[in-house]
């Protein structure tokens, strides 16, 4: 192990993972999110996946009458995890409480998203993250803009790179990630 590169590679893993997550709005690494909404929606769809039923920790809202933050009773809403996305909606016969929409954070949903086990990640995700890491690492090794390297009397190297080379791996990562059926 080259400890000099350990911190760099660790940072590149985080950057590559974050890039791939952003492309498909999914969390690959488990973590807690807080999502702020300006108002209630009839059905709230969590914009990041995967989220399990018990991963919705709380729904807080600023009460319209008191202008104070309240925690919504979990018995008053349903978290539907079957299907392509996670949906939250009031239980039958109930409705969302009145929220003070002029508050800075009228409604805050706290939830966990991400794969609990790295083995559950699709192979294409692992491949894309590794490709992106390799690409980011290689940027420090060579200069894609360098066309000629000349040391008088010692060596003379010349090469020409297509402008497309700089985006070849990032474009491949994007195509692979977006081709996955989520």
N, C-alpha and C. Protein backbone atom coordinates (compact mmCIF):
# COMPACT_ATOMS: atom_id res chain seq x y z
N UNK A 1 0.84 -1.19 0.00
CA UNK A 1 0.00 0.00 0.00
C UNK A 1 0.87 1.24 0.00
N UNK A 2 0.60 2.13 -0.89
CA UNK A 2 1.31 3.40 -0.96
C UNK A 2 0.50 4.44 -0.19
N UNK A 3 0.91 4.72 1.03
CA UNK A 3 0.13 5.62 1.88
C UNK A 3 0.03 7.02 1.31
N UNK A 4 0.97 7.38 0.45
CA UNK A 4 0.93 8.69 -0.19
C UNK A 4 -0.33 8.83 -1.05
N UNK A 5 -0.73 7.75 -1.69
CA UNK A 5 -1.90 7.78 -2.57
C UNK A 5 -3.20 7.40 -1.87
N UNK A 6 -3.13 6.86 -0.65
CA UNK A 6 -4.34 6.39 0.03
C UNK A 6 -5.38 7.50 0.19
N UNK A 7 -4.96 8.66 0.64
CA UNK A 7 -5.91 9.78 0.84
C UNK A 7 -6.48 10.22 -0.50
N UNK A 8 -5.64 10.27 -1.52
CA UNK A 8 -6.10 10.66 -2.85
C UNK A 8 -7.14 9.67 -3.37
N UNK A 9 -6.84 8.39 -3.29
CA UNK A 9 -7.76 7.36 -3.79
C UNK A 9 -9.05 7.36 -2.99
N UNK A 10 -8.95 7.54 -1.69
CA UNK A 10 -10.16 7.61 -0.86
C UNK A 10 -11.05 8.77 -1.30
N UNK A 11 -10.43 9.91 -1.57
CA UNK A 11 -11.19 11.06 -2.06
C UNK A 11 -11.80 10.81 -3.43
N UNK A 12 -11.04 10.13 -4.30
CA UNK A 12 -11.55 9.82 -5.64
C UNK A 12 -12.72 8.85 -5.58
N UNK A 13 -12.68 7.91 -4.65
CA UNK A 13 -13.80 6.97 -4.49
C UNK A 13 -15.07 7.74 -4.13
N UNK A 14 -14.95 8.67 -3.20
CA UNK A 14 -16.10 9.49 -2.81
C UNK A 14 -16.61 10.34 -3.96
N UNK A 15 -15.68 10.96 -4.70
CA UNK A 15 -16.08 11.81 -5.83
C UNK A 15 -16.75 10.99 -6.93
N UNK A 16 -16.17 9.84 -7.26
CA UNK A 16 -16.74 9.00 -8.32
C UNK A 16 -18.10 8.45 -7.91
N UNK A 17 -18.22 8.03 -6.67
CA UNK A 17 -19.50 7.51 -6.18
C UNK A 17 -20.55 8.61 -6.21
N UNK A 18 -20.19 9.79 -5.74
CA UNK A 18 -21.12 10.93 -5.75
C UNK A 18 -21.56 11.29 -7.16
N UNK A 19 -20.63 11.25 -8.10
CA UNK A 19 -20.96 11.56 -9.49
C UNK A 19 -21.98 10.55 -10.04
N UNK A 20 -21.72 9.27 -9.80
CA UNK A 20 -22.64 8.23 -10.30
C UNK A 20 -24.00 8.31 -9.60
N UNK A 21 -24.01 8.62 -8.31
CA UNK A 21 -25.27 8.77 -7.59
C UNK A 21 -26.09 9.92 -8.17
N UNK A 22 -25.42 11.02 -8.46
CA UNK A 22 -26.12 12.20 -8.98
C UNK A 22 -26.72 11.93 -10.36
N UNK A 23 -26.06 11.11 -11.15
CA UNK A 23 -26.57 10.81 -12.49
C UNK A 23 -27.93 10.12 -12.45
N UNK A 24 -28.15 9.28 -11.45
CA UNK A 24 -29.37 8.47 -11.42
C UNK A 24 -30.26 8.74 -10.20
N UNK A 25 -29.90 9.74 -9.39
CA UNK A 25 -30.67 10.09 -8.19
C UNK A 25 -30.90 8.89 -7.28
N UNK A 26 -29.83 8.16 -7.04
CA UNK A 26 -29.88 7.02 -6.12
C UNK A 26 -28.72 7.16 -5.14
N UNK A 27 -28.90 6.62 -3.96
CA UNK A 27 -27.83 6.60 -2.96
C UNK A 27 -27.24 5.20 -2.94
N UNK A 28 -25.96 5.09 -3.20
CA UNK A 28 -25.29 3.80 -3.16
C UNK A 28 -24.71 3.53 -1.77
N UNK A 29 -24.30 4.59 -1.10
CA UNK A 29 -23.74 4.50 0.24
C UNK A 29 -24.83 4.91 1.23
N UNK A 30 -25.11 4.10 2.25
CA UNK A 30 -26.18 4.45 3.19
C UNK A 30 -25.89 5.74 3.95
N UNK A 31 -26.89 6.61 4.02
CA UNK A 31 -26.78 7.84 4.80
C UNK A 31 -28.17 8.43 5.02
N UNK A 32 -28.23 9.40 5.91
CA UNK A 32 -29.49 10.05 6.26
C UNK A 32 -29.64 11.34 5.48
N UNK A 33 -30.83 11.55 4.95
CA UNK A 33 -31.16 12.76 4.19
C UNK A 33 -32.26 13.53 4.91
N UNK A 34 -32.26 14.83 4.72
CA UNK A 34 -33.38 15.67 5.13
C UNK A 34 -33.86 16.39 3.88
N UNK A 35 -35.10 16.17 3.54
CA UNK A 35 -35.68 16.75 2.34
C UNK A 35 -36.71 17.78 2.77
N UNK A 36 -36.54 19.01 2.30
CA UNK A 36 -37.43 20.11 2.67
C UNK A 36 -38.43 20.35 1.54
N UNK A 37 -39.70 20.41 1.90
CA UNK A 37 -40.78 20.68 0.94
C UNK A 37 -41.44 22.02 1.28
N UNK A 38 -41.84 22.79 0.27
CA UNK A 38 -42.51 24.07 0.54
C UNK A 38 -43.97 23.91 0.94
N UNK A 39 -44.57 22.77 0.57
CA UNK A 39 -45.98 22.53 0.88
C UNK A 39 -46.26 21.03 0.75
N UNK A 40 -47.41 20.63 1.24
CA UNK A 40 -47.81 19.23 1.12
C UNK A 40 -48.17 18.91 -0.33
N UNK A 41 -47.89 17.72 -0.73
CA UNK A 41 -48.34 17.21 -2.02
C UNK A 41 -49.33 16.09 -1.72
N UNK A 42 -50.28 15.85 -2.60
CA UNK A 42 -51.22 14.75 -2.32
C UNK A 42 -50.48 13.43 -2.07
N UNK A 43 -49.50 13.15 -2.91
CA UNK A 43 -48.64 11.98 -2.74
C UNK A 43 -47.20 12.49 -2.82
N UNK A 44 -46.43 12.22 -1.80
CA UNK A 44 -45.04 12.67 -1.76
C UNK A 44 -44.17 11.53 -2.27
N UNK A 45 -43.40 11.79 -3.32
CA UNK A 45 -42.46 10.79 -3.85
C UNK A 45 -41.05 11.19 -3.43
N UNK A 46 -40.40 10.31 -2.69
CA UNK A 46 -39.03 10.57 -2.26
C UNK A 46 -38.14 10.57 -3.51
N UNK A 47 -37.34 11.63 -3.72
CA UNK A 47 -36.56 11.75 -4.96
C UNK A 47 -35.30 10.91 -5.02
N UNK A 48 -34.94 10.26 -3.93
CA UNK A 48 -33.72 9.46 -3.89
C UNK A 48 -34.09 8.04 -3.47
N UNK A 49 -33.47 7.06 -4.07
CA UNK A 49 -33.74 5.66 -3.74
C UNK A 49 -32.41 4.98 -3.46
N UNK A 50 -32.38 3.79 -2.94
CA UNK A 50 -33.48 3.02 -2.36
C UNK A 50 -33.77 3.44 -0.92
N UNK A 51 -35.04 3.43 -0.58
CA UNK A 51 -35.52 3.75 0.77
C UNK A 51 -36.46 2.62 1.18
N UNK A 52 -36.28 2.09 2.36
CA UNK A 52 -37.19 1.05 2.85
C UNK A 52 -38.25 1.68 3.75
N UNK A 53 -39.28 0.91 4.03
CA UNK A 53 -40.41 1.40 4.83
C UNK A 53 -39.94 1.99 6.16
N UNK A 54 -39.08 1.27 6.86
CA UNK A 54 -38.66 1.74 8.18
C UNK A 54 -37.54 2.78 8.12
N UNK A 55 -37.16 3.20 6.93
CA UNK A 55 -36.10 4.20 6.78
C UNK A 55 -36.62 5.63 6.82
N UNK A 56 -37.94 5.82 6.82
CA UNK A 56 -38.50 7.17 6.98
C UNK A 56 -38.57 7.41 8.49
N UNK A 57 -37.66 8.28 8.99
CA UNK A 57 -37.55 8.50 10.43
C UNK A 57 -38.62 9.45 10.95
N UNK A 58 -38.85 10.52 10.21
CA UNK A 58 -39.83 11.49 10.69
C UNK A 58 -40.30 12.39 9.57
N UNK A 59 -41.49 12.92 9.78
CA UNK A 59 -42.01 13.99 8.93
C UNK A 59 -42.38 15.11 9.89
N UNK A 60 -41.68 16.22 9.76
CA UNK A 60 -41.94 17.38 10.61
C UNK A 60 -42.53 18.49 9.76
N UNK A 61 -43.40 19.27 10.37
CA UNK A 61 -44.02 20.38 9.65
C UNK A 61 -44.20 21.54 10.62
N UNK A 62 -44.26 22.74 10.07
CA UNK A 62 -44.54 23.92 10.88
C UNK A 62 -46.05 24.10 10.89
N UNK A 63 -46.62 23.96 12.08
CA UNK A 63 -48.07 24.04 12.25
C UNK A 63 -48.58 25.43 11.86
N UNK A 64 -49.65 25.45 11.10
CA UNK A 64 -50.21 26.70 10.60
C UNK A 64 -50.70 27.60 11.73
N UNK A 65 -51.33 27.04 12.73
CA UNK A 65 -51.93 27.84 13.81
C UNK A 65 -50.88 28.35 14.80
N UNK A 66 -49.94 27.50 15.17
CA UNK A 66 -48.98 27.88 16.22
C UNK A 66 -47.64 28.35 15.67
N UNK A 67 -47.38 28.11 14.39
CA UNK A 67 -46.11 28.44 13.74
C UNK A 67 -44.92 27.79 14.45
N UNK A 68 -45.15 26.61 15.00
CA UNK A 68 -44.08 25.84 15.63
C UNK A 68 -43.96 24.50 14.92
N UNK A 69 -42.75 23.95 14.98
CA UNK A 69 -42.52 22.67 14.31
C UNK A 69 -43.13 21.52 15.12
N UNK A 70 -43.84 20.66 14.42
CA UNK A 70 -44.48 19.48 15.01
C UNK A 70 -44.00 18.24 14.26
N UNK A 71 -44.01 17.11 14.93
CA UNK A 71 -43.69 15.85 14.27
C UNK A 71 -45.00 15.12 13.98
N UNK A 72 -45.17 14.75 12.73
CA UNK A 72 -46.39 14.06 12.30
C UNK A 72 -46.38 12.63 12.85
N UNK A 73 -47.51 12.21 13.39
CA UNK A 73 -47.66 10.87 13.93
C UNK A 73 -47.54 9.85 12.79
N UNK A 74 -46.60 8.90 12.88
CA UNK A 74 -46.45 7.90 11.81
C UNK A 74 -47.72 7.08 11.55
N UNK A 75 -48.62 7.04 12.51
CA UNK A 75 -49.87 6.30 12.32
C UNK A 75 -50.81 7.03 11.37
N UNK A 76 -50.48 8.27 11.01
CA UNK A 76 -51.38 9.06 10.14
C UNK A 76 -51.00 9.01 8.67
N UNK A 77 -49.90 8.34 8.34
CA UNK A 77 -49.50 8.26 6.93
C UNK A 77 -49.00 6.87 6.57
N UNK A 78 -48.96 6.62 5.27
CA UNK A 78 -48.52 5.33 4.72
C UNK A 78 -47.23 5.56 3.94
N UNK A 79 -46.27 4.68 4.13
CA UNK A 79 -45.04 4.69 3.33
C UNK A 79 -45.11 3.48 2.41
N UNK A 80 -45.25 3.75 1.12
CA UNK A 80 -45.37 2.68 0.12
C UNK A 80 -44.01 2.49 -0.56
N UNK A 81 -43.42 1.32 -0.38
CA UNK A 81 -42.09 1.07 -0.95
C UNK A 81 -42.13 0.15 -2.16
N UNK A 82 -43.26 -0.44 -2.45
CA UNK A 82 -43.37 -1.32 -3.63
C UNK A 82 -43.40 -0.45 -4.88
N UNK A 83 -42.69 -0.86 -5.89
CA UNK A 83 -42.68 -0.12 -7.14
C UNK A 83 -41.37 0.60 -7.37
N UNK A 84 -41.39 1.53 -8.32
CA UNK A 84 -40.17 2.22 -8.74
C UNK A 84 -39.68 3.25 -7.74
N UNK A 85 -40.58 3.82 -6.95
CA UNK A 85 -40.17 4.86 -6.01
C UNK A 85 -40.92 4.70 -4.69
N UNK A 86 -40.50 5.47 -3.71
CA UNK A 86 -41.15 5.45 -2.41
C UNK A 86 -42.16 6.58 -2.37
N UNK A 87 -43.39 6.24 -1.98
CA UNK A 87 -44.46 7.23 -1.91
C UNK A 87 -44.97 7.31 -0.48
N UNK A 88 -45.28 8.53 -0.06
CA UNK A 88 -45.86 8.75 1.26
C UNK A 88 -47.17 9.50 1.05
N UNK A 89 -48.22 9.01 1.69
CA UNK A 89 -49.52 9.68 1.56
C UNK A 89 -50.32 9.46 2.84
N UNK A 90 -51.32 10.32 3.09
CA UNK A 90 -52.12 10.17 4.30
C UNK A 90 -52.89 8.85 4.27
N UNK A 91 -53.11 8.28 5.45
CA UNK A 91 -53.94 7.07 5.53
C UNK A 91 -55.35 7.39 5.08
N UNK A 92 -56.07 6.37 4.68
CA UNK A 92 -57.44 6.53 4.19
C UNK A 92 -58.27 7.30 5.22
N UNK A 93 -58.99 8.30 4.74
CA UNK A 93 -59.85 9.10 5.61
C UNK A 93 -59.14 10.23 6.32
N UNK A 94 -57.83 10.36 6.11
CA UNK A 94 -57.05 11.42 6.76
C UNK A 94 -56.51 12.36 5.70
N UNK A 95 -56.04 13.51 6.13
CA UNK A 95 -55.40 14.46 5.21
C UNK A 95 -54.18 15.05 5.91
N UNK A 96 -53.36 15.70 5.12
CA UNK A 96 -52.18 16.34 5.70
C UNK A 96 -52.64 17.50 6.58
N UNK A 97 -51.95 17.76 7.68
CA UNK A 97 -52.31 18.91 8.51
C UNK A 97 -51.92 20.22 7.82
N UNK A 98 -52.54 21.31 8.22
CA UNK A 98 -52.21 22.60 7.64
C UNK A 98 -50.80 23.00 8.05
N UNK A 99 -49.99 23.34 7.07
CA UNK A 99 -48.61 23.73 7.33
C UNK A 99 -48.44 25.22 7.04
N UNK A 100 -47.61 25.86 7.83
CA UNK A 100 -47.31 27.29 7.64
C UNK A 100 -46.26 27.40 6.53
N UNK A 101 -46.72 27.70 5.34
CA UNK A 101 -45.84 27.66 4.16
C UNK A 101 -44.84 28.80 4.09
N UNK A 102 -44.98 29.81 4.94
CA UNK A 102 -44.03 30.93 4.92
C UNK A 102 -42.82 30.68 5.81
N UNK A 103 -42.80 29.55 6.49
CA UNK A 103 -41.64 29.19 7.32
C UNK A 103 -40.47 28.82 6.41
N UNK A 104 -39.23 28.99 6.89
CA UNK A 104 -38.07 28.62 6.05
C UNK A 104 -38.07 27.14 5.65
N UNK A 105 -38.53 26.28 6.54
CA UNK A 105 -38.59 24.85 6.25
C UNK A 105 -39.96 24.34 6.68
N UNK A 106 -40.99 24.57 5.84
CA UNK A 106 -42.36 24.21 6.23
C UNK A 106 -42.55 22.72 6.52
N UNK A 107 -41.92 21.86 5.70
CA UNK A 107 -42.06 20.41 5.86
C UNK A 107 -40.68 19.79 5.67
N UNK A 108 -40.28 18.95 6.62
CA UNK A 108 -38.97 18.29 6.54
C UNK A 108 -39.18 16.79 6.74
N UNK A 109 -38.75 16.03 5.73
CA UNK A 109 -38.82 14.57 5.81
C UNK A 109 -37.40 14.05 6.00
N UNK A 110 -37.20 13.29 7.07
CA UNK A 110 -35.89 12.70 7.33
C UNK A 110 -35.97 11.20 7.04
N UNK A 111 -35.04 10.73 6.21
CA UNK A 111 -35.06 9.32 5.82
C UNK A 111 -33.65 8.84 5.50
N UNK A 112 -33.49 7.53 5.54
CA UNK A 112 -32.24 6.89 5.15
C UNK A 112 -32.40 6.33 3.75
N UNK A 113 -31.35 6.44 2.97
CA UNK A 113 -31.34 5.84 1.63
C UNK A 113 -29.96 5.24 1.40
N UNK A 114 -29.92 4.24 0.55
CA UNK A 114 -28.65 3.60 0.22
C UNK A 114 -28.74 2.10 0.34
N UNK A 115 -27.77 1.43 -0.23
CA UNK A 115 -27.69 -0.02 -0.18
C UNK A 115 -26.98 -0.43 1.11
N UNK A 116 -27.62 -1.26 1.90
CA UNK A 116 -27.04 -1.71 3.16
C UNK A 116 -25.81 -2.59 2.92
N UNK A 117 -25.84 -3.37 1.86
CA UNK A 117 -24.76 -4.32 1.57
C UNK A 117 -24.17 -3.99 0.20
N UNK A 118 -22.87 -3.81 0.14
CA UNK A 118 -22.19 -3.47 -1.11
C UNK A 118 -22.43 -4.53 -2.18
N UNK A 119 -22.67 -5.77 -1.77
CA UNK A 119 -22.92 -6.85 -2.73
C UNK A 119 -24.26 -6.68 -3.45
N UNK A 120 -25.15 -5.87 -2.90
CA UNK A 120 -26.44 -5.62 -3.54
C UNK A 120 -26.37 -4.58 -4.66
N UNK A 121 -25.26 -3.86 -4.73
CA UNK A 121 -25.09 -2.87 -5.81
C UNK A 121 -25.04 -3.58 -7.15
N UNK A 122 -25.76 -3.09 -8.16
CA UNK A 122 -25.66 -3.69 -9.49
C UNK A 122 -24.22 -3.62 -10.01
N UNK A 123 -23.82 -4.63 -10.75
CA UNK A 123 -22.45 -4.71 -11.28
C UNK A 123 -22.11 -3.49 -12.12
N UNK A 124 -23.07 -2.97 -12.87
CA UNK A 124 -22.80 -1.80 -13.71
C UNK A 124 -22.43 -0.59 -12.86
N UNK A 125 -23.00 -0.48 -11.68
CA UNK A 125 -22.67 0.63 -10.79
C UNK A 125 -21.22 0.51 -10.33
N UNK A 126 -20.81 -0.67 -9.91
CA UNK A 126 -19.43 -0.88 -9.48
C UNK A 126 -18.46 -0.58 -10.62
N UNK A 127 -18.81 -1.04 -11.82
CA UNK A 127 -17.96 -0.79 -12.98
C UNK A 127 -17.83 0.70 -13.26
N UNK A 128 -18.94 1.40 -13.22
CA UNK A 128 -18.92 2.84 -13.50
C UNK A 128 -18.11 3.60 -12.46
N UNK A 129 -18.24 3.23 -11.21
CA UNK A 129 -17.46 3.90 -10.16
C UNK A 129 -15.97 3.64 -10.38
N UNK A 130 -15.60 2.40 -10.70
CA UNK A 130 -14.19 2.10 -10.95
C UNK A 130 -13.66 2.84 -12.17
N UNK A 131 -14.46 2.91 -13.24
CA UNK A 131 -14.04 3.66 -14.43
C UNK A 131 -13.82 5.13 -14.10
N UNK A 132 -14.74 5.70 -13.34
CA UNK A 132 -14.63 7.11 -12.98
C UNK A 132 -13.41 7.36 -12.10
N UNK A 133 -13.13 6.45 -11.16
CA UNK A 133 -11.95 6.58 -10.31
C UNK A 133 -10.69 6.54 -11.18
N UNK A 134 -10.64 5.58 -12.10
CA UNK A 134 -9.46 5.46 -12.98
C UNK A 134 -9.28 6.72 -13.80
N UNK A 135 -10.37 7.26 -14.31
CA UNK A 135 -10.30 8.48 -15.10
C UNK A 135 -9.77 9.64 -14.26
N UNK A 136 -10.34 9.83 -13.08
CA UNK A 136 -9.91 10.94 -12.23
C UNK A 136 -8.46 10.77 -11.80
N UNK A 137 -8.05 9.54 -11.52
CA UNK A 137 -6.67 9.28 -11.12
C UNK A 137 -5.70 9.56 -12.27
N UNK A 138 -6.11 9.20 -13.48
CA UNK A 138 -5.22 9.37 -14.63
C UNK A 138 -5.01 10.83 -14.99
N UNK A 139 -5.93 11.68 -14.59
CA UNK A 139 -5.77 13.11 -14.89
C UNK A 139 -4.49 13.64 -14.25
N UNK A 140 -4.15 13.13 -13.08
CA UNK A 140 -2.93 13.56 -12.41
C UNK A 140 -1.67 12.93 -12.97
N UNK A 141 -1.80 11.84 -13.71
CA UNK A 141 -0.63 11.15 -14.26
C UNK A 141 -0.14 11.77 -15.55
N UNK A 142 -1.06 12.15 -16.40
CA UNK A 142 -0.68 12.72 -17.69
C UNK A 142 -1.49 13.97 -17.94
N UNK A 143 -0.99 14.77 -18.81
CA UNK A 143 -1.69 15.98 -19.18
C UNK A 143 -2.27 15.78 -20.56
N UNK A 144 -3.61 15.62 -20.67
CA UNK A 144 -4.19 15.36 -21.98
C UNK A 144 -4.01 16.52 -22.96
N UNK A 145 -3.67 17.69 -22.45
CA UNK A 145 -3.48 18.84 -23.33
C UNK A 145 -2.05 18.92 -23.86
N UNK A 146 -1.13 18.13 -23.29
CA UNK A 146 0.27 18.16 -23.70
C UNK A 146 0.44 17.44 -25.03
N UNK A 147 0.99 18.15 -25.99
CA UNK A 147 1.17 17.58 -27.32
C UNK A 147 2.62 17.18 -27.55
N UNK A 148 3.55 17.86 -26.90
CA UNK A 148 4.96 17.57 -27.15
C UNK A 148 5.75 17.70 -25.85
N UNK A 149 6.61 16.73 -25.60
CA UNK A 149 7.48 16.72 -24.43
C UNK A 149 8.91 16.66 -24.96
N UNK A 150 9.66 17.74 -24.81
CA UNK A 150 10.99 17.82 -25.41
C UNK A 150 12.02 18.15 -24.33
N UNK A 151 13.01 17.28 -24.20
CA UNK A 151 14.17 17.56 -23.37
C UNK A 151 15.35 17.54 -24.34
N UNK A 152 15.93 18.70 -24.60
CA UNK A 152 16.97 18.84 -25.64
C UNK A 152 18.14 17.91 -25.33
N UNK A 153 18.50 17.13 -26.32
CA UNK A 153 19.62 16.21 -26.22
C UNK A 153 19.31 14.90 -25.51
N UNK A 154 18.11 14.77 -24.93
CA UNK A 154 17.79 13.55 -24.20
C UNK A 154 16.65 12.79 -24.87
N UNK A 155 15.53 13.46 -25.01
CA UNK A 155 14.40 12.76 -25.61
C UNK A 155 13.44 13.77 -26.24
N UNK A 156 12.66 13.24 -27.12
CA UNK A 156 11.64 14.05 -27.77
C UNK A 156 10.43 13.15 -28.00
N UNK A 157 9.37 13.43 -27.28
CA UNK A 157 8.14 12.66 -27.46
C UNK A 157 7.08 13.60 -28.00
N UNK A 158 6.34 13.12 -28.95
CA UNK A 158 5.25 13.92 -29.48
C UNK A 158 4.04 13.02 -29.65
N UNK A 159 2.89 13.52 -29.27
CA UNK A 159 1.66 12.79 -29.48
C UNK A 159 0.52 13.77 -29.62
N UNK A 160 -0.48 13.31 -30.27
CA UNK A 160 -1.66 14.13 -30.49
C UNK A 160 -2.87 13.37 -29.96
N UNK A 161 -3.61 13.98 -29.09
CA UNK A 161 -4.81 13.36 -28.54
C UNK A 161 -6.05 14.01 -29.14
N UNK A 162 -7.00 13.18 -29.44
CA UNK A 162 -8.27 13.70 -29.91
C UNK A 162 -8.94 14.46 -28.76
N UNK A 163 -9.62 15.56 -29.05
CA UNK A 163 -10.33 16.28 -27.98
C UNK A 163 -11.38 15.40 -27.29
N UNK A 164 -11.85 14.36 -27.98
CA UNK A 164 -12.86 13.47 -27.40
C UNK A 164 -12.29 12.58 -26.30
N UNK A 165 -10.96 12.41 -26.24
CA UNK A 165 -10.36 11.52 -25.26
C UNK A 165 -10.66 11.99 -23.84
N UNK A 166 -10.69 13.31 -23.63
CA UNK A 166 -10.93 13.85 -22.29
C UNK A 166 -12.29 13.44 -21.75
N UNK A 167 -13.26 13.26 -22.63
CA UNK A 167 -14.62 12.94 -22.18
C UNK A 167 -15.00 11.48 -22.43
N UNK A 168 -14.09 10.70 -22.97
CA UNK A 168 -14.41 9.31 -23.32
C UNK A 168 -14.91 8.51 -22.11
N UNK A 169 -14.13 8.48 -21.03
CA UNK A 169 -14.54 7.69 -19.86
C UNK A 169 -15.75 8.31 -19.17
N UNK A 170 -15.77 9.64 -18.91
CA UNK A 170 -16.99 10.20 -18.29
C UNK A 170 -18.24 9.95 -19.13
N UNK A 171 -18.12 10.02 -20.44
CA UNK A 171 -19.28 9.74 -21.30
C UNK A 171 -19.71 8.28 -21.19
N UNK A 172 -18.72 7.38 -21.11
CA UNK A 172 -19.04 5.96 -20.96
C UNK A 172 -19.74 5.70 -19.63
N UNK A 173 -19.25 6.35 -18.57
CA UNK A 173 -19.88 6.21 -17.26
C UNK A 173 -21.33 6.69 -17.31
N UNK A 174 -21.54 7.84 -17.91
CA UNK A 174 -22.90 8.39 -18.02
C UNK A 174 -23.81 7.44 -18.79
N UNK A 175 -23.34 6.95 -19.92
CA UNK A 175 -24.16 6.03 -20.72
C UNK A 175 -24.48 4.74 -19.97
N UNK A 176 -23.48 4.18 -19.30
CA UNK A 176 -23.71 2.95 -18.55
C UNK A 176 -24.70 3.16 -17.41
N UNK A 177 -24.54 4.25 -16.67
CA UNK A 177 -25.43 4.51 -15.54
C UNK A 177 -26.85 4.75 -16.01
N UNK A 178 -27.00 5.50 -17.08
CA UNK A 178 -28.35 5.83 -17.55
C UNK A 178 -28.99 4.67 -18.31
N UNK A 179 -28.20 3.66 -18.69
CA UNK A 179 -28.78 2.51 -19.39
C UNK A 179 -29.33 1.48 -18.40
N UNK A 180 -28.95 1.59 -17.14
CA UNK A 180 -29.43 0.64 -16.11
C UNK A 180 -30.92 0.87 -15.86
N UNK A 181 -31.67 -0.20 -15.76
CA UNK A 181 -33.10 -0.10 -15.46
C UNK A 181 -33.26 -0.08 -13.95
N UNK A 182 -33.72 1.03 -13.43
CA UNK A 182 -33.88 1.18 -11.99
C UNK A 182 -35.29 0.87 -11.64
